[in-house]
Amino acid sequence: MKDNELRKSLKNGKVVIGTMLQELRSPAVPMLLADIGFDFIFIDMEHGAFNMETVADLLKITRLSGITPLVRVPNLEYHLISRCLDAGAQGFMVPRIETREQAEKAVSYSKYPPLGERGCSINKGHNDYRSESLLPFIRKANAENFVILQIERKKAIENLDSIFSVPGVDGAILGPNDLAVSYGVPNDLTSQLMEEAFSKVVEAGKKYNVFTG
């Protein structure tokens, strides 16, 4: 199983650059983004128009291009997370996380036992169809796959400590538009309420060693 270069770069304090694909599905896109120095790509299944087959194809070419493939799943469901990871995603983001219980489920769905409940199927996109020993693969997958939570509800801001303290949560990314709607200021991303919410997320990330964006 290949190393997660995004995880490695973040641990080394590097600033990483990425983007999200919602419409473009040509295999040329990940190749071009890799060529100009991007570190990661999110393939968006929440607001994007991709089906699972398209996602799997984009994951393969992104891996071959040398940048880290991530997927934003549309919901916190086991089959969505496990299928994307099996297809080759090296991490995923779950939208609308509000509670510790949801964060724990996201981690559990992505980890093999004893750390979680993910079902095991080897020789898939996640290890580039190579034959390898099961136990080392499980250990590396549990260590390398990147779990990202999307913070976009007022309730999530109120629960940051309980959410960010869940073992296995690697990153959190703000959803500014949905968060603004949740706060009742949909047309003002620069309001004091929003600035305070952003600051709380960043500070919680520092406190619990969770990468934020």
N, C-alpha and C. Protein backbone atom coordinates (compact mmCIF):
# COMPACT_ATOMS: atom_id res chain seq x y z
N MET A 1 0.85 -1.19 0.00
CA MET A 1 0.00 0.00 0.00
C MET A 1 0.88 1.24 0.00
N LYS A 2 0.58 2.19 -0.86
CA LYS A 2 1.43 3.36 -0.99
C LYS A 2 1.24 4.32 0.18
N ASP A 3 2.29 5.12 0.43
CA ASP A 3 2.23 6.12 1.49
C ASP A 3 1.23 7.21 1.14
N ASN A 4 0.66 7.81 2.16
CA ASN A 4 -0.23 8.96 1.99
C ASN A 4 0.63 10.22 2.03
N GLU A 5 0.93 10.76 0.86
CA GLU A 5 1.83 11.91 0.78
C GLU A 5 1.22 13.16 1.41
N LEU A 6 -0.09 13.28 1.40
CA LEU A 6 -0.73 14.43 2.05
C LEU A 6 -0.48 14.39 3.55
N ARG A 7 -0.66 13.24 4.15
CA ARG A 7 -0.41 13.09 5.58
C ARG A 7 1.05 13.42 5.90
N LYS A 8 1.94 12.91 5.08
CA LYS A 8 3.37 13.14 5.30
C LYS A 8 3.71 14.63 5.20
N SER A 9 3.16 15.30 4.20
CA SER A 9 3.45 16.72 4.01
C SER A 9 2.93 17.56 5.18
N LEU A 10 1.71 17.26 5.63
CA LEU A 10 1.13 18.02 6.74
C LEU A 10 1.92 17.80 8.02
N LYS A 11 2.35 16.57 8.26
CA LYS A 11 3.14 16.29 9.47
C LYS A 11 4.47 17.03 9.44
N ASN A 12 4.98 17.26 8.24
CA ASN A 12 6.25 17.98 8.10
C ASN A 12 6.07 19.49 8.06
N GLY A 13 4.84 19.95 8.28
CA GLY A 13 4.58 21.38 8.34
C GLY A 13 4.48 22.07 7.00
N LYS A 14 4.30 21.31 5.93
CA LYS A 14 4.22 21.88 4.59
C LYS A 14 2.82 22.45 4.34
N VAL A 15 2.76 23.57 3.64
CA VAL A 15 1.49 24.10 3.16
C VAL A 15 1.07 23.29 1.93
N VAL A 16 -0.13 22.75 1.95
CA VAL A 16 -0.58 21.91 0.84
C VAL A 16 -1.68 22.63 0.05
N ILE A 17 -1.73 22.31 -1.23
CA ILE A 17 -2.68 22.95 -2.14
C ILE A 17 -3.51 21.88 -2.84
N GLY A 18 -4.82 22.09 -2.87
CA GLY A 18 -5.68 21.15 -3.55
C GLY A 18 -6.92 21.83 -4.09
N THR A 19 -7.77 21.03 -4.70
CA THR A 19 -9.02 21.56 -5.24
C THR A 19 -10.08 20.48 -5.17
N MET A 20 -11.29 20.84 -5.56
CA MET A 20 -12.40 19.89 -5.53
C MET A 20 -13.02 19.78 -6.92
N LEU A 21 -13.21 18.55 -7.37
CA LEU A 21 -13.84 18.30 -8.66
C LEU A 21 -15.32 18.02 -8.45
N GLN A 22 -16.17 18.77 -9.16
CA GLN A 22 -17.61 18.58 -9.09
C GLN A 22 -18.23 18.29 -10.45
N GLU A 23 -17.62 18.77 -11.50
CA GLU A 23 -18.17 18.61 -12.84
C GLU A 23 -17.18 17.94 -13.80
N LEU A 24 -15.93 18.39 -13.78
CA LEU A 24 -14.94 17.87 -14.71
C LEU A 24 -14.59 16.43 -14.37
N ARG A 25 -14.63 15.55 -15.36
CA ARG A 25 -14.38 14.14 -15.09
C ARG A 25 -13.36 13.52 -16.04
N SER A 26 -12.72 14.36 -16.85
CA SER A 26 -11.70 13.85 -17.76
C SER A 26 -10.48 13.37 -16.98
N PRO A 27 -9.88 12.24 -17.37
CA PRO A 27 -8.65 11.78 -16.70
C PRO A 27 -7.49 12.75 -16.86
N ALA A 28 -7.62 13.67 -17.82
CA ALA A 28 -6.56 14.66 -18.00
C ALA A 28 -6.49 15.64 -16.82
N VAL A 29 -7.61 15.84 -16.12
CA VAL A 29 -7.64 16.85 -15.05
C VAL A 29 -6.68 16.52 -13.92
N PRO A 30 -6.73 15.32 -13.31
CA PRO A 30 -5.75 15.02 -12.27
C PRO A 30 -4.31 15.08 -12.76
N MET A 31 -4.08 14.68 -14.00
CA MET A 31 -2.73 14.72 -14.55
C MET A 31 -2.22 16.15 -14.66
N LEU A 32 -3.09 17.05 -15.13
CA LEU A 32 -2.70 18.46 -15.26
C LEU A 32 -2.47 19.09 -13.89
N LEU A 33 -3.33 18.77 -12.92
CA LEU A 33 -3.18 19.33 -11.57
C LEU A 33 -1.90 18.83 -10.92
N ALA A 34 -1.57 17.58 -11.15
CA ALA A 34 -0.30 17.05 -10.62
C ALA A 34 0.88 17.77 -11.26
N ASP A 35 0.78 18.05 -12.54
CA ASP A 35 1.89 18.68 -13.25
C ASP A 35 2.16 20.10 -12.77
N ILE A 36 1.13 20.80 -12.28
CA ILE A 36 1.35 22.18 -11.81
C ILE A 36 1.56 22.25 -10.30
N GLY A 37 1.68 21.08 -9.67
CA GLY A 37 2.11 21.07 -8.28
C GLY A 37 1.05 20.90 -7.22
N PHE A 38 -0.16 20.52 -7.59
CA PHE A 38 -1.18 20.30 -6.57
C PHE A 38 -0.83 19.07 -5.72
N ASP A 39 -1.25 19.10 -4.46
CA ASP A 39 -0.96 18.00 -3.54
C ASP A 39 -2.11 17.01 -3.40
N PHE A 40 -3.33 17.48 -3.58
CA PHE A 40 -4.48 16.59 -3.38
C PHE A 40 -5.66 17.07 -4.22
N ILE A 41 -6.60 16.14 -4.43
CA ILE A 41 -7.86 16.44 -5.11
C ILE A 41 -9.00 15.83 -4.29
N PHE A 42 -10.03 16.62 -4.05
CA PHE A 42 -11.29 16.10 -3.53
C PHE A 42 -12.20 15.79 -4.71
N ILE A 43 -12.73 14.59 -4.76
CA ILE A 43 -13.77 14.23 -5.71
C ILE A 43 -15.09 14.34 -4.96
N ASP A 44 -15.96 15.20 -5.42
CA ASP A 44 -17.15 15.58 -4.64
C ASP A 44 -18.37 14.74 -5.00
N MET A 45 -18.79 13.89 -4.07
CA MET A 45 -20.01 13.11 -4.25
C MET A 45 -21.21 13.74 -3.56
N GLU A 46 -21.00 14.84 -2.83
CA GLU A 46 -22.13 15.50 -2.18
C GLU A 46 -22.84 16.43 -3.15
N HIS A 47 -22.11 17.34 -3.75
CA HIS A 47 -22.70 18.30 -4.68
C HIS A 47 -22.29 18.03 -6.13
N GLY A 48 -21.36 17.12 -6.34
CA GLY A 48 -20.95 16.76 -7.69
C GLY A 48 -21.91 15.76 -8.31
N ALA A 49 -21.76 15.57 -9.61
CA ALA A 49 -22.69 14.71 -10.36
C ALA A 49 -22.12 13.31 -10.62
N PHE A 50 -21.10 12.91 -9.87
CA PHE A 50 -20.40 11.66 -10.16
C PHE A 50 -21.12 10.44 -9.58
N ASN A 51 -21.13 9.35 -10.35
CA ASN A 51 -21.55 8.07 -9.78
C ASN A 51 -20.30 7.32 -9.30
N MET A 52 -20.50 6.14 -8.71
CA MET A 52 -19.38 5.42 -8.10
C MET A 52 -18.35 4.98 -9.14
N GLU A 53 -18.80 4.60 -10.31
CA GLU A 53 -17.86 4.17 -11.35
C GLU A 53 -16.95 5.31 -11.77
N THR A 54 -17.51 6.50 -11.94
CA THR A 54 -16.70 7.67 -12.30
C THR A 54 -15.72 8.00 -11.20
N VAL A 55 -16.18 7.94 -9.95
CA VAL A 55 -15.30 8.20 -8.81
C VAL A 55 -14.13 7.22 -8.82
N ALA A 56 -14.42 5.94 -9.03
CA ALA A 56 -13.36 4.93 -9.03
C ALA A 56 -12.34 5.20 -10.13
N ASP A 57 -12.81 5.59 -11.31
CA ASP A 57 -11.89 5.89 -12.41
C ASP A 57 -11.02 7.11 -12.09
N LEU A 58 -11.62 8.15 -11.52
CA LEU A 58 -10.86 9.34 -11.16
C LEU A 58 -9.84 9.04 -10.05
N LEU A 59 -10.22 8.17 -9.12
CA LEU A 59 -9.28 7.78 -8.06
C LEU A 59 -8.06 7.08 -8.64
N LYS A 60 -8.28 6.21 -9.59
CA LYS A 60 -7.15 5.48 -10.19
C LYS A 60 -6.18 6.42 -10.88
N ILE A 61 -6.68 7.32 -11.70
CA ILE A 61 -5.78 8.21 -12.43
C ILE A 61 -5.11 9.21 -11.50
N THR A 62 -5.81 9.60 -10.43
CA THR A 62 -5.20 10.52 -9.46
C THR A 62 -4.05 9.84 -8.74
N ARG A 63 -4.24 8.58 -8.36
CA ARG A 63 -3.15 7.83 -7.72
C ARG A 63 -1.96 7.71 -8.66
N LEU A 64 -2.23 7.40 -9.91
CA LEU A 64 -1.15 7.25 -10.89
C LEU A 64 -0.45 8.58 -11.16
N SER A 65 -1.15 9.69 -10.96
CA SER A 65 -0.56 11.01 -11.20
C SER A 65 0.35 11.45 -10.07
N GLY A 66 0.28 10.75 -8.93
CA GLY A 66 1.19 11.05 -7.84
C GLY A 66 0.69 12.04 -6.81
N ILE A 67 -0.60 12.38 -6.87
CA ILE A 67 -1.16 13.26 -5.84
C ILE A 67 -2.21 12.48 -5.04
N THR A 68 -2.56 13.00 -3.89
CA THR A 68 -3.42 12.26 -2.97
C THR A 68 -4.89 12.42 -3.34
N PRO A 69 -5.59 11.30 -3.60
CA PRO A 69 -7.01 11.36 -3.93
C PRO A 69 -7.89 11.27 -2.68
N LEU A 70 -8.80 12.21 -2.55
CA LEU A 70 -9.76 12.25 -1.45
C LEU A 70 -11.17 12.30 -2.02
N VAL A 71 -12.14 11.88 -1.24
CA VAL A 71 -13.54 11.94 -1.67
C VAL A 71 -14.36 12.61 -0.59
N ARG A 72 -15.21 13.56 -1.00
CA ARG A 72 -16.24 14.03 -0.08
C ARG A 72 -17.47 13.17 -0.32
N VAL A 73 -17.79 12.32 0.65
CA VAL A 73 -18.97 11.47 0.53
C VAL A 73 -20.21 12.32 0.80
N PRO A 74 -21.37 11.90 0.30
CA PRO A 74 -22.57 12.72 0.48
C PRO A 74 -23.18 12.63 1.87
N ASN A 75 -22.82 11.59 2.61
CA ASN A 75 -23.46 11.39 3.91
C ASN A 75 -22.61 10.44 4.74
N LEU A 76 -22.88 10.39 6.02
CA LEU A 76 -22.17 9.49 6.93
C LEU A 76 -22.81 8.11 6.87
N GLU A 77 -22.38 7.33 5.88
CA GLU A 77 -22.87 5.97 5.72
C GLU A 77 -21.70 5.05 5.45
N TYR A 78 -21.75 3.86 6.06
CA TYR A 78 -20.64 2.92 5.95
C TYR A 78 -20.30 2.58 4.51
N HIS A 79 -21.31 2.23 3.72
CA HIS A 79 -21.02 1.74 2.37
C HIS A 79 -20.39 2.82 1.49
N LEU A 80 -20.71 4.07 1.72
CA LEU A 80 -20.10 5.15 0.94
C LEU A 80 -18.62 5.28 1.25
N ILE A 81 -18.29 5.26 2.53
CA ILE A 81 -16.90 5.41 2.94
C ILE A 81 -16.08 4.20 2.54
N SER A 82 -16.59 3.00 2.81
CA SER A 82 -15.81 1.79 2.53
C SER A 82 -15.59 1.59 1.04
N ARG A 83 -16.57 1.87 0.22
CA ARG A 83 -16.41 1.68 -1.22
C ARG A 83 -15.41 2.67 -1.81
N CYS A 84 -15.44 3.90 -1.32
CA CYS A 84 -14.47 4.88 -1.81
C CYS A 84 -13.05 4.51 -1.40
N LEU A 85 -12.88 4.05 -0.17
CA LEU A 85 -11.55 3.63 0.27
C LEU A 85 -11.08 2.40 -0.50
N ASP A 86 -11.97 1.43 -0.70
CA ASP A 86 -11.60 0.24 -1.48
C ASP A 86 -11.20 0.61 -2.90
N ALA A 87 -11.85 1.62 -3.46
CA ALA A 87 -11.56 2.03 -4.84
C ALA A 87 -10.26 2.82 -4.97
N GLY A 88 -9.68 3.24 -3.84
CA GLY A 88 -8.39 3.90 -3.92
C GLY A 88 -8.28 5.26 -3.27
N ALA A 89 -9.36 5.76 -2.68
CA ALA A 89 -9.25 7.03 -1.95
C ALA A 89 -8.29 6.85 -0.78
N GLN A 90 -7.45 7.85 -0.55
CA GLN A 90 -6.54 7.81 0.59
C GLN A 90 -7.06 8.64 1.76
N GLY A 91 -8.28 9.07 1.64
CA GLY A 91 -8.95 9.80 2.69
C GLY A 91 -10.31 10.24 2.21
N PHE A 92 -11.10 10.76 3.14
CA PHE A 92 -12.46 11.17 2.79
C PHE A 92 -12.90 12.28 3.75
N MET A 93 -13.91 13.01 3.32
CA MET A 93 -14.51 14.04 4.16
C MET A 93 -16.01 13.78 4.28
N VAL A 94 -16.50 13.87 5.51
CA VAL A 94 -17.93 13.67 5.76
C VAL A 94 -18.57 15.02 6.08
N PRO A 95 -19.58 15.43 5.33
CA PRO A 95 -20.24 16.71 5.60
C PRO A 95 -21.17 16.64 6.80
N ARG A 96 -21.51 17.83 7.32
CA ARG A 96 -22.56 17.99 8.32
C ARG A 96 -22.32 17.22 9.62
N ILE A 97 -21.07 17.15 10.04
CA ILE A 97 -20.77 16.52 11.33
C ILE A 97 -21.12 17.50 12.45
N GLU A 98 -21.87 17.02 13.43
CA GLU A 98 -22.32 17.88 14.53
C GLU A 98 -21.99 17.33 15.91
N THR A 99 -21.75 16.02 16.03
CA THR A 99 -21.61 15.40 17.35
C THR A 99 -20.41 14.47 17.42
N ARG A 100 -20.03 14.15 18.64
CA ARG A 100 -18.95 13.19 18.86
C ARG A 100 -19.32 11.81 18.31
N GLU A 101 -20.56 11.42 18.49
CA GLU A 101 -21.01 10.12 18.00
C GLU A 101 -20.82 10.00 16.49
N GLN A 102 -21.14 11.05 15.75
CA GLN A 102 -20.94 11.03 14.30
C GLN A 102 -19.45 10.93 13.96
N ALA A 103 -18.62 11.66 14.68
CA ALA A 103 -17.18 11.61 14.44
C ALA A 103 -16.64 10.21 14.71
N GLU A 104 -17.12 9.58 15.76
CA GLU A 104 -16.68 8.22 16.09
C GLU A 104 -17.09 7.24 15.00
N LYS A 105 -18.27 7.41 14.45
CA LYS A 105 -18.72 6.53 13.37
C LYS A 105 -17.85 6.72 12.13
N ALA A 106 -17.53 7.95 11.80
CA ALA A 106 -16.69 8.21 10.62
C ALA A 106 -15.35 7.50 10.75
N VAL A 107 -14.75 7.57 11.92
CA VAL A 107 -13.48 6.89 12.14
C VAL A 107 -13.66 5.38 12.08
N SER A 108 -14.68 4.87 12.75
CA SER A 108 -14.90 3.43 12.80
C SER A 108 -15.16 2.84 11.42
N TYR A 109 -15.91 3.54 10.59
CA TYR A 109 -16.21 3.05 9.25
C TYR A 109 -14.95 2.95 8.38
N SER A 110 -13.92 3.71 8.72
CA SER A 110 -12.72 3.77 7.88
C SER A 110 -11.59 2.88 8.37
N LYS A 111 -11.71 2.33 9.56
CA LYS A 111 -10.62 1.55 10.15
C LYS A 111 -10.97 0.07 10.20
N TYR A 112 -9.97 -0.76 9.92
CA TYR A 112 -10.14 -2.19 10.08
C TYR A 112 -10.07 -2.55 11.56
N PRO A 113 -10.70 -3.68 11.96
CA PRO A 113 -10.58 -4.13 13.35
C PRO A 113 -9.10 -4.33 13.72
N PRO A 114 -8.75 -4.04 14.96
CA PRO A 114 -9.61 -3.77 16.11
C PRO A 114 -9.97 -2.29 16.29
N LEU A 115 -9.50 -1.42 15.38
CA LEU A 115 -9.74 0.02 15.54
C LEU A 115 -11.11 0.46 15.03
N GLY A 116 -11.73 -0.37 14.20
CA GLY A 116 -13.01 0.00 13.62
C GLY A 116 -13.74 -1.20 13.08
N GLU A 117 -14.64 -0.97 12.14
CA GLU A 117 -15.51 -2.03 11.66
C GLU A 117 -15.46 -2.21 10.14
N ARG A 118 -14.47 -1.65 9.50
CA ARG A 118 -14.38 -1.75 8.05
C ARG A 118 -14.15 -3.19 7.62
N GLY A 119 -14.92 -3.63 6.63
CA GLY A 119 -14.73 -4.96 6.08
C GLY A 119 -13.49 -5.02 5.20
N CYS A 120 -12.84 -6.17 5.18
CA CYS A 120 -11.54 -6.29 4.51
C CYS A 120 -11.67 -6.97 3.14
N SER A 121 -11.18 -6.30 2.13
CA SER A 121 -11.08 -6.86 0.78
C SER A 121 -9.79 -6.36 0.18
N ILE A 122 -8.86 -7.26 -0.08
CA ILE A 122 -7.54 -6.85 -0.56
C ILE A 122 -7.48 -7.00 -2.08
N ASN A 123 -6.36 -6.60 -2.68
CA ASN A 123 -6.17 -6.63 -4.13
C ASN A 123 -7.22 -5.79 -4.86
N LYS A 124 -7.43 -4.59 -4.33
CA LYS A 124 -8.36 -3.63 -4.94
C LYS A 124 -7.60 -2.36 -5.31
N GLY A 125 -8.36 -1.32 -5.64
CA GLY A 125 -7.73 -0.06 -5.99
C GLY A 125 -6.90 0.53 -4.87
N HIS A 126 -7.26 0.20 -3.61
CA HIS A 126 -6.56 0.80 -2.48
C HIS A 126 -5.12 0.32 -2.33
N ASN A 127 -4.77 -0.81 -2.95
CA ASN A 127 -3.35 -1.19 -2.96
C ASN A 127 -2.87 -1.45 -4.38
N ASP A 128 -3.53 -0.77 -5.31
CA ASP A 128 -3.16 -0.83 -6.73
C ASP A 128 -3.13 -2.25 -7.27
N TYR A 129 -4.04 -3.08 -6.75
CA TYR A 129 -4.26 -4.45 -7.22
C TYR A 129 -3.05 -5.35 -7.02
N ARG A 130 -2.24 -5.02 -6.05
CA ARG A 130 -1.06 -5.84 -5.76
C ARG A 130 -1.41 -6.93 -4.74
N SER A 131 -0.67 -8.01 -4.80
CA SER A 131 -0.79 -9.06 -3.80
C SER A 131 0.14 -8.74 -2.64
N GLU A 132 -0.40 -8.70 -1.43
CA GLU A 132 0.42 -8.44 -0.26
C GLU A 132 -0.20 -9.09 0.96
N SER A 133 0.61 -9.24 1.99
CA SER A 133 0.15 -9.89 3.22
C SER A 133 -0.93 -9.04 3.89
N LEU A 134 -1.91 -9.71 4.45
CA LEU A 134 -3.08 -9.01 4.96
C LEU A 134 -2.78 -8.17 6.20
N LEU A 135 -2.09 -8.72 7.19
CA LEU A 135 -1.88 -7.99 8.43
C LEU A 135 -1.09 -6.70 8.24
N PRO A 136 0.04 -6.72 7.51
CA PRO A 136 0.74 -5.44 7.27
C PRO A 136 -0.12 -4.44 6.50
N PHE A 137 -0.93 -4.94 5.58
CA PHE A 137 -1.81 -4.05 4.82
C PHE A 137 -2.82 -3.37 5.75
N ILE A 138 -3.44 -4.15 6.62
CA ILE A 138 -4.44 -3.59 7.54
C ILE A 138 -3.81 -2.53 8.43
N ARG A 139 -2.65 -2.82 8.96
CA ARG A 139 -1.98 -1.87 9.85
C ARG A 139 -1.65 -0.57 9.12
N LYS A 140 -1.15 -0.70 7.89
CA LYS A 140 -0.78 0.51 7.16
C LYS A 140 -2.01 1.31 6.75
N ALA A 141 -3.06 0.62 6.32
CA ALA A 141 -4.29 1.32 5.94
C ALA A 141 -4.86 2.09 7.12
N ASN A 142 -4.87 1.47 8.28
CA ASN A 142 -5.38 2.15 9.48
C ASN A 142 -4.56 3.38 9.83
N ALA A 143 -3.26 3.32 9.54
CA ALA A 143 -2.39 4.44 9.88
C ALA A 143 -2.39 5.54 8.82
N GLU A 144 -2.64 5.18 7.56
CA GLU A 144 -2.45 6.12 6.46
C GLU A 144 -3.72 6.86 6.02
N ASN A 145 -4.86 6.19 6.02
CA ASN A 145 -6.08 6.82 5.51
C ASN A 145 -6.45 8.04 6.34
N PHE A 146 -6.89 9.09 5.67
CA PHE A 146 -7.08 10.40 6.28
C PHE A 146 -8.56 10.66 6.51
N VAL A 147 -8.94 10.91 7.76
CA VAL A 147 -10.34 11.13 8.13
C VAL A 147 -10.56 12.63 8.35
N ILE A 148 -11.43 13.21 7.54
CA ILE A 148 -11.70 14.65 7.60
C ILE A 148 -13.19 14.87 7.87
N LEU A 149 -13.48 15.76 8.79
CA LEU A 149 -14.86 16.11 9.12
C LEU A 149 -15.15 17.51 8.61
N GLN A 150 -16.34 17.71 8.07
CA GLN A 150 -16.72 19.04 7.61
C GLN A 150 -17.59 19.71 8.68
N ILE A 151 -17.13 20.88 9.12
CA ILE A 151 -17.80 21.63 10.17
C ILE A 151 -18.62 22.73 9.51
N GLU A 152 -19.94 22.57 9.54
CA GLU A 152 -20.80 23.52 8.83
C GLU A 152 -22.16 23.72 9.50
N ARG A 153 -22.20 23.49 10.80
CA ARG A 153 -23.42 23.71 11.57
C ARG A 153 -23.07 24.38 12.89
N LYS A 154 -23.98 25.22 13.38
CA LYS A 154 -23.79 25.88 14.67
C LYS A 154 -23.58 24.86 15.78
N LYS A 155 -24.32 23.77 15.72
CA LYS A 155 -24.19 22.73 16.75
C LYS A 155 -22.78 22.15 16.77
N ALA A 156 -22.16 22.03 15.60
CA ALA A 156 -20.79 21.51 15.55
C ALA A 156 -19.82 22.45 16.25
N ILE A 157 -20.01 23.75 16.06
CA ILE A 157 -19.15 24.73 16.74
C ILE A 157 -19.29 24.59 18.25
N GLU A 158 -20.49 24.34 18.71
CA GLU A 158 -20.73 24.17 20.14
C GLU A 158 -20.11 22.88 20.68
N ASN A 159 -19.86 21.91 19.80
CA ASN A 159 -19.35 20.60 20.22
C ASN A 159 -17.91 20.34 19.77
N LEU A 160 -17.16 21.38 19.45
CA LEU A 160 -15.82 21.19 18.88
C LEU A 160 -14.92 20.34 19.76
N ASP A 161 -14.91 20.57 21.06
CA ASP A 161 -14.03 19.80 21.93
C ASP A 161 -14.35 18.31 21.88
N SER A 162 -15.62 17.98 21.95
CA SER A 162 -15.99 16.56 21.95
C SER A 162 -15.78 15.92 20.58
N ILE A 163 -15.89 16.69 19.51
CA ILE A 163 -15.67 16.17 18.16
C ILE A 163 -14.19 15.99 17.87
N PHE A 164 -13.40 17.03 18.12
CA PHE A 164 -11.99 17.01 17.76
C PHE A 164 -11.17 16.08 18.64
N SER A 165 -11.68 15.73 19.80
CA SER A 165 -10.93 14.85 20.71
C SER A 165 -11.12 13.37 20.39
N VAL A 166 -11.92 13.04 19.37
CA VAL A 166 -12.11 11.65 18.98
C VAL A 166 -10.82 11.11 18.37
N PRO A 167 -10.26 10.02 18.89
CA PRO A 167 -9.06 9.44 18.30
C PRO A 167 -9.31 9.02 16.86
N GLY A 168 -8.38 9.36 15.97
CA GLY A 168 -8.52 9.00 14.57
C GLY A 168 -9.03 10.10 13.68
N VAL A 169 -9.49 11.20 14.26
CA VAL A 169 -9.88 12.36 13.44
C VAL A 169 -8.61 13.11 13.05
N ASP A 170 -8.37 13.23 11.75
CA ASP A 170 -7.14 13.84 11.26
C ASP A 170 -7.31 15.30 10.86
N GLY A 171 -8.45 15.64 10.29
CA GLY A 171 -8.62 16.99 9.77
C GLY A 171 -10.06 17.46 9.87
N ALA A 172 -10.23 18.77 9.78
CA ALA A 172 -11.57 19.37 9.76
C ALA A 172 -11.54 20.55 8.80
N ILE A 173 -12.54 20.61 7.95
CA ILE A 173 -12.64 21.69 6.98
C ILE A 173 -13.98 22.40 7.16
N LEU A 174 -13.93 23.70 7.20
CA LEU A 174 -15.15 24.49 7.34
C LEU A 174 -15.99 24.45 6.06
N GLY A 175 -17.29 24.46 6.25
CA GLY A 175 -18.23 24.67 5.15
C GLY A 175 -18.85 26.04 5.36
N PRO A 176 -18.24 27.11 4.87
CA PRO A 176 -18.64 28.46 5.26
C PRO A 176 -20.06 28.83 4.88
N ASN A 177 -20.52 28.40 3.72
CA ASN A 177 -21.87 28.79 3.30
C ASN A 177 -22.94 28.15 4.18
N ASP A 178 -22.83 26.84 4.40
CA ASP A 178 -23.81 26.18 5.26
C ASP A 178 -23.71 26.67 6.70
N LEU A 179 -22.49 26.97 7.14
CA LEU A 179 -22.32 27.48 8.50
C LEU A 179 -22.99 28.84 8.65
N ALA A 180 -22.84 29.69 7.64
CA ALA A 180 -23.48 31.01 7.68
C ALA A 180 -25.00 30.88 7.72
N VAL A 181 -25.54 29.95 6.94
CA VAL A 181 -26.99 29.71 6.96
C VAL A 181 -27.42 29.25 8.35
N SER A 182 -26.62 28.36 8.94
CA SER A 182 -26.94 27.84 10.26
C SER A 182 -26.96 28.94 11.32
N TYR A 183 -26.09 29.94 11.14
CA TYR A 183 -26.03 31.06 12.08
C TYR A 183 -27.04 32.16 11.76
N GLY A 184 -27.75 32.01 10.65
CA GLY A 184 -28.74 33.02 10.28
C GLY A 184 -28.16 34.24 9.59
N VAL A 185 -26.94 34.11 9.04
CA VAL A 185 -26.31 35.23 8.33
C VAL A 185 -25.84 34.75 6.95
N PRO A 186 -26.75 34.25 6.12
CA PRO A 186 -26.33 33.61 4.87
C PRO A 186 -25.63 34.52 3.88
N ASN A 187 -25.80 35.81 4.01
CA ASN A 187 -25.19 36.73 3.05
C ASN A 187 -23.96 37.44 3.61
N ASP A 188 -23.44 36.97 4.74
CA ASP A 188 -22.35 37.70 5.38
C ASP A 188 -21.33 36.73 5.97
N LEU A 189 -20.42 36.28 5.13
CA LEU A 189 -19.38 35.36 5.58
C LEU A 189 -18.33 36.05 6.45
N THR A 190 -18.34 37.38 6.46
CA THR A 190 -17.35 38.11 7.25
C THR A 190 -17.95 38.71 8.53
N SER A 191 -19.14 38.27 8.90
CA SER A 191 -19.76 38.78 10.12
C SER A 191 -18.95 38.35 11.34
N GLN A 192 -19.16 39.04 12.45
CA GLN A 192 -18.44 38.70 13.68
C GLN A 192 -18.74 37.27 14.12
N LEU A 193 -19.98 36.84 13.95
CA LEU A 193 -20.35 35.47 14.30
C LEU A 193 -19.50 34.46 13.54
N MET A 194 -19.34 34.70 12.25
CA MET A 194 -18.57 33.78 11.42
C MET A 194 -17.09 33.82 11.76
N GLU A 195 -16.55 35.00 11.96
CA GLU A 195 -15.14 35.12 12.31
C GLU A 195 -14.85 34.40 13.62
N GLU A 196 -15.75 34.54 14.58
CA GLU A 196 -15.57 33.85 15.86
C GLU A 196 -15.64 32.33 15.68
N ALA A 197 -16.55 31.88 14.83
CA ALA A 197 -16.68 30.44 14.58
C ALA A 197 -15.43 29.90 13.90
N PHE A 198 -14.92 30.63 12.91
CA PHE A 198 -13.70 30.20 12.23
C PHE A 198 -12.54 30.09 13.23
N SER A 199 -12.42 31.08 14.09
CA SER A 199 -11.33 31.10 15.06
C SER A 199 -11.44 29.92 16.03
N LYS A 200 -12.65 29.59 16.43
CA LYS A 200 -12.86 28.46 17.34
C LYS A 200 -12.41 27.15 16.70
N VAL A 201 -12.68 26.99 15.42
CA VAL A 201 -12.27 25.77 14.72
C VAL A 201 -10.75 25.68 14.66
N VAL A 202 -10.11 26.77 14.30
CA VAL A 202 -8.64 26.78 14.21
C VAL A 202 -8.02 26.49 15.57
N GLU A 203 -8.52 27.10 16.61
CA GLU A 203 -7.97 26.90 17.96
C GLU A 203 -8.20 25.47 18.44
N ALA A 204 -9.36 24.92 18.16
CA ALA A 204 -9.62 23.53 18.54
C ALA A 204 -8.70 22.58 17.79
N GLY A 205 -8.43 22.90 16.52
CA GLY A 205 -7.50 22.09 15.75
C GLY A 205 -6.11 22.08 16.36
N LYS A 206 -5.65 23.24 16.79
CA LYS A 206 -4.33 23.32 17.44
C LYS A 206 -4.32 22.53 18.74
N LYS A 207 -5.40 22.63 19.49
CA LYS A 207 -5.49 21.97 20.80
C LYS A 207 -5.44 20.45 20.67
N TYR A 208 -6.10 19.92 19.66
CA TYR A 208 -6.22 18.46 19.52
C TYR A 208 -5.38 17.89 18.37
N ASN A 209 -4.50 18.70 17.82
CA ASN A 209 -3.62 18.26 16.73
C ASN A 209 -4.43 17.75 15.53
N VAL A 210 -5.46 18.50 15.19
CA VAL A 210 -6.30 18.21 14.02
C VAL A 210 -6.04 19.30 12.98
N PHE A 211 -5.69 18.90 11.78
CA PHE A 211 -5.43 19.87 10.72
C PHE A 211 -6.74 20.54 10.31
N THR A 212 -6.71 21.85 10.09
CA THR A 212 -7.92 22.58 9.74
C THR A 212 -7.75 23.37 8.45
N GLY A 213 -8.89 23.63 7.81
CA GLY A 213 -8.85 24.40 6.58
C GLY A 213 -10.22 24.98 6.28
